[in-house]
Amino acid sequence: MKILTANRLGDGIAVWYADGGWVETVDHADLAHDKAAEDRLEVIGARAYADNEVVDVNLIDADVVDGVVEPVRLREKIRAAGPTIRGDLGKQAERIA
C-alpha cells in the first residue's frame, strides 16, 4: 500500500493526502491499494505542487495497524511523529495532550 506525503509550502510541515485535502496527521491518509490508485495520488500531488501548495511530494509505503495508517520506513515514521530528541515537541506531543 502507498500513501501520498509532502511538505506544506507555507510552513514546511509534513502533510499527507486524506479525504480530498492535505492533513497534518498520517492516521487516515488515503491508501492506494493498486497501480491505478497510485497514479491517481501522483496526479493529485503533481497538481498540488504546480499550484504551490506543497513541495517534496512522494508516494511512500504504508501499513494499516489496528485500523490506523502508519508509514513503513523509519524516516517517514519520524516525519509523522516529530523530532526524536524531545517527546514534548512535534506531533507526538499533540497526541498526548
N, C-alpha and C. Protein backbone atom coordinates (compact mmCIF):
# COMPACT_ATOMS: atom_id res chain seq x y z
N MET A 1 0.85 -1.18 0.00
CA MET A 1 0.00 0.00 0.00
C MET A 1 0.89 1.24 0.00
N LYS A 2 0.37 2.30 -0.58
CA LYS A 2 1.09 3.57 -0.66
C LYS A 2 0.18 4.70 -0.17
N ILE A 3 0.83 5.75 0.34
CA ILE A 3 0.13 6.98 0.70
C ILE A 3 0.92 8.15 0.12
N LEU A 4 0.28 9.29 0.00
CA LEU A 4 0.91 10.48 -0.58
C LEU A 4 1.30 11.44 0.54
N THR A 5 2.56 11.83 0.53
CA THR A 5 3.06 12.77 1.53
C THR A 5 3.78 13.91 0.84
N ALA A 6 3.92 15.01 1.57
CA ALA A 6 4.61 16.20 1.05
C ALA A 6 4.92 17.10 2.24
N ASN A 7 5.48 18.24 1.94
CA ASN A 7 5.65 19.29 2.94
C ASN A 7 4.87 20.50 2.47
N ARG A 8 4.07 21.06 3.37
CA ARG A 8 3.28 22.24 3.05
C ARG A 8 4.22 23.41 2.76
N LEU A 9 3.99 24.09 1.66
CA LEU A 9 4.90 25.14 1.23
C LEU A 9 4.96 26.31 2.20
N GLY A 10 3.85 26.67 2.80
CA GLY A 10 3.80 27.85 3.67
C GLY A 10 4.63 27.75 4.93
N ASP A 11 4.71 26.54 5.52
CA ASP A 11 5.41 26.42 6.80
C ASP A 11 6.32 25.19 6.89
N GLY A 12 6.37 24.37 5.86
CA GLY A 12 7.27 23.22 5.85
C GLY A 12 6.78 22.00 6.61
N ILE A 13 5.59 22.07 7.20
CA ILE A 13 5.05 20.96 7.98
C ILE A 13 4.80 19.76 7.07
N ALA A 14 5.15 18.56 7.55
CA ALA A 14 4.86 17.32 6.83
C ALA A 14 3.35 17.12 6.80
N VAL A 15 2.82 16.81 5.62
CA VAL A 15 1.39 16.59 5.45
C VAL A 15 1.15 15.34 4.62
N TRP A 16 -0.07 14.81 4.71
CA TRP A 16 -0.48 13.62 3.98
C TRP A 16 -1.82 13.91 3.33
N TYR A 17 -2.05 13.28 2.19
CA TYR A 17 -3.30 13.49 1.48
C TYR A 17 -4.37 12.58 2.05
N ALA A 18 -5.50 13.17 2.47
CA ALA A 18 -6.61 12.40 3.05
C ALA A 18 -7.92 13.15 2.80
N ASP A 19 -8.92 12.41 2.41
CA ASP A 19 -10.28 12.96 2.28
C ASP A 19 -10.34 14.24 1.45
N GLY A 20 -9.59 14.29 0.36
CA GLY A 20 -9.67 15.43 -0.55
C GLY A 20 -8.83 16.63 -0.18
N GLY A 21 -7.93 16.50 0.79
CA GLY A 21 -7.08 17.62 1.17
C GLY A 21 -5.83 17.16 1.89
N TRP A 22 -5.01 18.10 2.29
CA TRP A 22 -3.76 17.82 2.98
C TRP A 22 -3.97 17.96 4.48
N VAL A 23 -3.61 16.93 5.22
CA VAL A 23 -3.78 16.92 6.68
C VAL A 23 -2.43 16.75 7.37
N GLU A 24 -2.34 17.16 8.61
CA GLU A 24 -1.08 17.14 9.35
C GLU A 24 -0.80 15.82 10.06
N THR A 25 -1.74 14.89 10.04
CA THR A 25 -1.50 13.58 10.66
C THR A 25 -1.70 12.48 9.61
N VAL A 26 -0.92 11.43 9.76
CA VAL A 26 -0.91 10.34 8.79
C VAL A 26 -2.01 9.32 9.05
N ASP A 27 -2.63 9.36 10.20
CA ASP A 27 -3.54 8.32 10.68
C ASP A 27 -4.59 7.84 9.67
N HIS A 28 -5.14 8.74 8.88
CA HIS A 28 -6.23 8.38 7.99
C HIS A 28 -5.94 8.76 6.54
N ALA A 29 -4.66 8.76 6.18
CA ALA A 29 -4.27 9.10 4.81
C ALA A 29 -4.94 8.16 3.82
N ASP A 30 -5.25 8.69 2.64
CA ASP A 30 -5.85 7.86 1.59
C ASP A 30 -4.85 6.79 1.17
N LEU A 31 -5.30 5.55 1.12
CA LEU A 31 -4.45 4.41 0.76
C LEU A 31 -4.62 4.05 -0.71
N ALA A 32 -3.50 3.82 -1.36
CA ALA A 32 -3.51 3.30 -2.73
C ALA A 32 -3.22 1.82 -2.65
N HIS A 33 -4.19 1.01 -3.04
CA HIS A 33 -4.05 -0.44 -2.97
C HIS A 33 -3.59 -1.05 -4.29
N ASP A 34 -3.57 -0.24 -5.36
CA ASP A 34 -3.16 -0.76 -6.66
C ASP A 34 -2.53 0.36 -7.49
N LYS A 35 -2.04 0.01 -8.66
CA LYS A 35 -1.33 0.97 -9.52
C LYS A 35 -2.23 2.12 -9.95
N ALA A 36 -3.49 1.84 -10.24
CA ALA A 36 -4.42 2.90 -10.65
C ALA A 36 -4.60 3.93 -9.53
N ALA A 37 -4.72 3.46 -8.31
CA ALA A 37 -4.86 4.38 -7.17
C ALA A 37 -3.57 5.17 -6.94
N GLU A 38 -2.43 4.52 -7.13
CA GLU A 38 -1.14 5.22 -7.02
C GLU A 38 -1.05 6.32 -8.07
N ASP A 39 -1.45 6.01 -9.29
CA ASP A 39 -1.42 7.01 -10.37
C ASP A 39 -2.32 8.19 -10.03
N ARG A 40 -3.49 7.92 -9.47
CA ARG A 40 -4.41 8.98 -9.07
C ARG A 40 -3.79 9.89 -8.02
N LEU A 41 -3.14 9.29 -7.02
CA LEU A 41 -2.48 10.10 -5.99
C LEU A 41 -1.33 10.90 -6.57
N GLU A 42 -0.59 10.32 -7.50
CA GLU A 42 0.52 11.06 -8.12
C GLU A 42 0.01 12.28 -8.88
N VAL A 43 -1.12 12.15 -9.56
CA VAL A 43 -1.72 13.29 -10.27
C VAL A 43 -2.12 14.37 -9.27
N ILE A 44 -2.72 13.97 -8.18
CA ILE A 44 -3.12 14.92 -7.13
C ILE A 44 -1.88 15.65 -6.58
N GLY A 45 -0.82 14.90 -6.31
CA GLY A 45 0.41 15.51 -5.79
C GLY A 45 1.04 16.46 -6.79
N ALA A 46 1.07 16.08 -8.05
CA ALA A 46 1.65 16.94 -9.08
C ALA A 46 0.86 18.24 -9.22
N ARG A 47 -0.46 18.13 -9.13
CA ARG A 47 -1.31 19.32 -9.22
C ARG A 47 -1.07 20.24 -8.02
N ALA A 48 -0.99 19.67 -6.82
CA ALA A 48 -0.75 20.48 -5.62
C ALA A 48 0.62 21.14 -5.67
N TYR A 49 1.61 20.43 -6.21
CA TYR A 49 2.94 21.01 -6.37
C TYR A 49 2.90 22.16 -7.37
N ALA A 50 2.23 21.96 -8.50
CA ALA A 50 2.12 23.00 -9.53
C ALA A 50 1.38 24.23 -9.01
N ASP A 51 0.44 24.01 -8.09
CA ASP A 51 -0.34 25.12 -7.50
C ASP A 51 0.36 25.75 -6.30
N ASN A 52 1.62 25.34 -6.04
CA ASN A 52 2.42 25.88 -4.93
C ASN A 52 1.79 25.66 -3.56
N GLU A 53 1.12 24.53 -3.40
CA GLU A 53 0.58 24.17 -2.09
C GLU A 53 1.61 23.39 -1.28
N VAL A 54 2.33 22.48 -1.96
CA VAL A 54 3.26 21.58 -1.29
C VAL A 54 4.53 21.41 -2.11
N VAL A 55 5.57 20.89 -1.44
CA VAL A 55 6.83 20.53 -2.09
C VAL A 55 7.22 19.13 -1.62
N ASP A 56 8.22 18.55 -2.24
CA ASP A 56 8.74 17.23 -1.87
C ASP A 56 7.62 16.18 -1.80
N VAL A 57 6.85 16.11 -2.87
CA VAL A 57 5.71 15.19 -2.96
C VAL A 57 6.22 13.78 -3.25
N ASN A 58 5.76 12.79 -2.45
CA ASN A 58 6.21 11.41 -2.62
C ASN A 58 5.12 10.43 -2.26
N LEU A 59 5.09 9.32 -2.99
CA LEU A 59 4.31 8.16 -2.57
C LEU A 59 5.21 7.33 -1.68
N ILE A 60 4.73 6.95 -0.52
CA ILE A 60 5.54 6.15 0.40
C ILE A 60 4.78 4.89 0.79
N ASP A 61 5.53 3.89 1.23
CA ASP A 61 4.93 2.63 1.70
C ASP A 61 4.26 2.84 3.05
N ALA A 62 3.10 2.20 3.22
CA ALA A 62 2.36 2.30 4.48
C ALA A 62 1.67 0.98 4.77
N ASP A 63 1.36 0.78 6.03
CA ASP A 63 0.58 -0.36 6.51
C ASP A 63 -0.58 0.18 7.33
N VAL A 64 -1.55 -0.67 7.56
CA VAL A 64 -2.63 -0.34 8.49
C VAL A 64 -2.44 -1.21 9.72
N VAL A 65 -2.26 -0.55 10.87
CA VAL A 65 -2.04 -1.24 12.14
C VAL A 65 -3.15 -0.82 13.09
N ASP A 66 -3.94 -1.80 13.53
CA ASP A 66 -5.07 -1.52 14.42
C ASP A 66 -5.99 -0.44 13.86
N GLY A 67 -6.21 -0.48 12.55
CA GLY A 67 -7.11 0.46 11.90
C GLY A 67 -6.54 1.83 11.62
N VAL A 68 -5.26 2.01 11.88
CA VAL A 68 -4.61 3.31 11.69
C VAL A 68 -3.50 3.17 10.66
N VAL A 69 -3.42 4.12 9.74
CA VAL A 69 -2.38 4.12 8.73
C VAL A 69 -1.05 4.51 9.37
N GLU A 70 -0.01 3.73 9.07
CA GLU A 70 1.34 4.03 9.59
C GLU A 70 2.35 3.87 8.47
N PRO A 71 3.30 4.81 8.38
CA PRO A 71 4.39 4.65 7.41
C PRO A 71 5.25 3.44 7.76
N VAL A 72 5.88 2.85 6.75
CA VAL A 72 6.73 1.68 6.95
C VAL A 72 8.15 2.09 7.33
N ARG A 73 8.74 3.01 6.58
CA ARG A 73 10.14 3.38 6.79
C ARG A 73 10.31 4.29 8.01
N LEU A 74 11.44 4.13 8.69
CA LEU A 74 11.74 4.92 9.88
C LEU A 74 11.71 6.42 9.59
N ARG A 75 12.30 6.83 8.48
CA ARG A 75 12.30 8.26 8.13
C ARG A 75 10.89 8.82 8.11
N GLU A 76 9.98 8.07 7.53
CA GLU A 76 8.60 8.55 7.42
C GLU A 76 7.88 8.47 8.77
N LYS A 77 8.22 7.52 9.59
CA LYS A 77 7.66 7.46 10.95
C LYS A 77 8.07 8.71 11.73
N ILE A 78 9.33 9.13 11.56
CA ILE A 78 9.81 10.33 12.25
C ILE A 78 9.10 11.56 11.72
N ARG A 79 8.93 11.67 10.40
CA ARG A 79 8.20 12.81 9.83
C ARG A 79 6.78 12.86 10.37
N ALA A 80 6.18 11.70 10.59
CA ALA A 80 4.80 11.64 11.08
C ALA A 80 4.70 12.01 12.55
N ALA A 81 5.73 11.69 13.34
CA ALA A 81 5.67 11.89 14.79
C ALA A 81 6.28 13.20 15.24
N GLY A 82 7.37 13.61 14.63
CA GLY A 82 8.06 14.81 15.06
C GLY A 82 9.47 14.49 15.50
N PRO A 83 10.15 15.44 16.11
CA PRO A 83 11.56 15.26 16.46
C PRO A 83 11.78 14.06 17.39
N THR A 84 12.90 13.40 17.21
CA THR A 84 13.20 12.22 18.02
C THR A 84 13.89 12.56 19.33
N ILE A 85 14.32 13.80 19.49
CA ILE A 85 15.09 14.14 20.69
C ILE A 85 14.24 14.60 21.86
N ARG A 86 13.01 15.06 21.58
CA ARG A 86 12.16 15.55 22.66
C ARG A 86 10.72 15.16 22.39
N GLY A 87 10.18 14.33 23.24
CA GLY A 87 8.81 13.88 23.09
C GLY A 87 7.77 14.93 23.37
N ASP A 88 8.18 16.07 23.94
CA ASP A 88 7.24 17.14 24.25
C ASP A 88 7.09 18.13 23.11
N LEU A 89 7.72 17.83 21.96
CA LEU A 89 7.62 18.69 20.79
C LEU A 89 7.02 17.91 19.63
N GLY A 90 6.48 18.63 18.68
CA GLY A 90 6.00 17.99 17.45
C GLY A 90 4.68 17.30 17.62
N LYS A 91 4.37 16.48 16.65
CA LYS A 91 3.07 15.84 16.58
C LYS A 91 2.88 14.82 17.69
N GLN A 92 3.96 14.18 18.15
CA GLN A 92 3.79 13.22 19.25
C GLN A 92 3.33 13.92 20.52
N ALA A 93 3.74 15.16 20.75
CA ALA A 93 3.31 15.91 21.93
C ALA A 93 1.83 16.26 21.82
N GLU A 94 1.37 16.58 20.62
CA GLU A 94 -0.04 16.92 20.41
C GLU A 94 -0.94 15.73 20.67
N ARG A 95 -0.47 14.53 20.37
CA ARG A 95 -1.29 13.33 20.59
C ARG A 95 -1.44 13.04 22.08
N ILE A 96 -0.46 13.40 22.88
CA ILE A 96 -0.52 13.17 24.34
C ILE A 96 -1.45 14.17 25.00
N ALA A 97 -1.44 15.40 24.50
CA ALA A 97 -2.22 16.48 25.12
C ALA A 97 -3.71 16.27 25.00
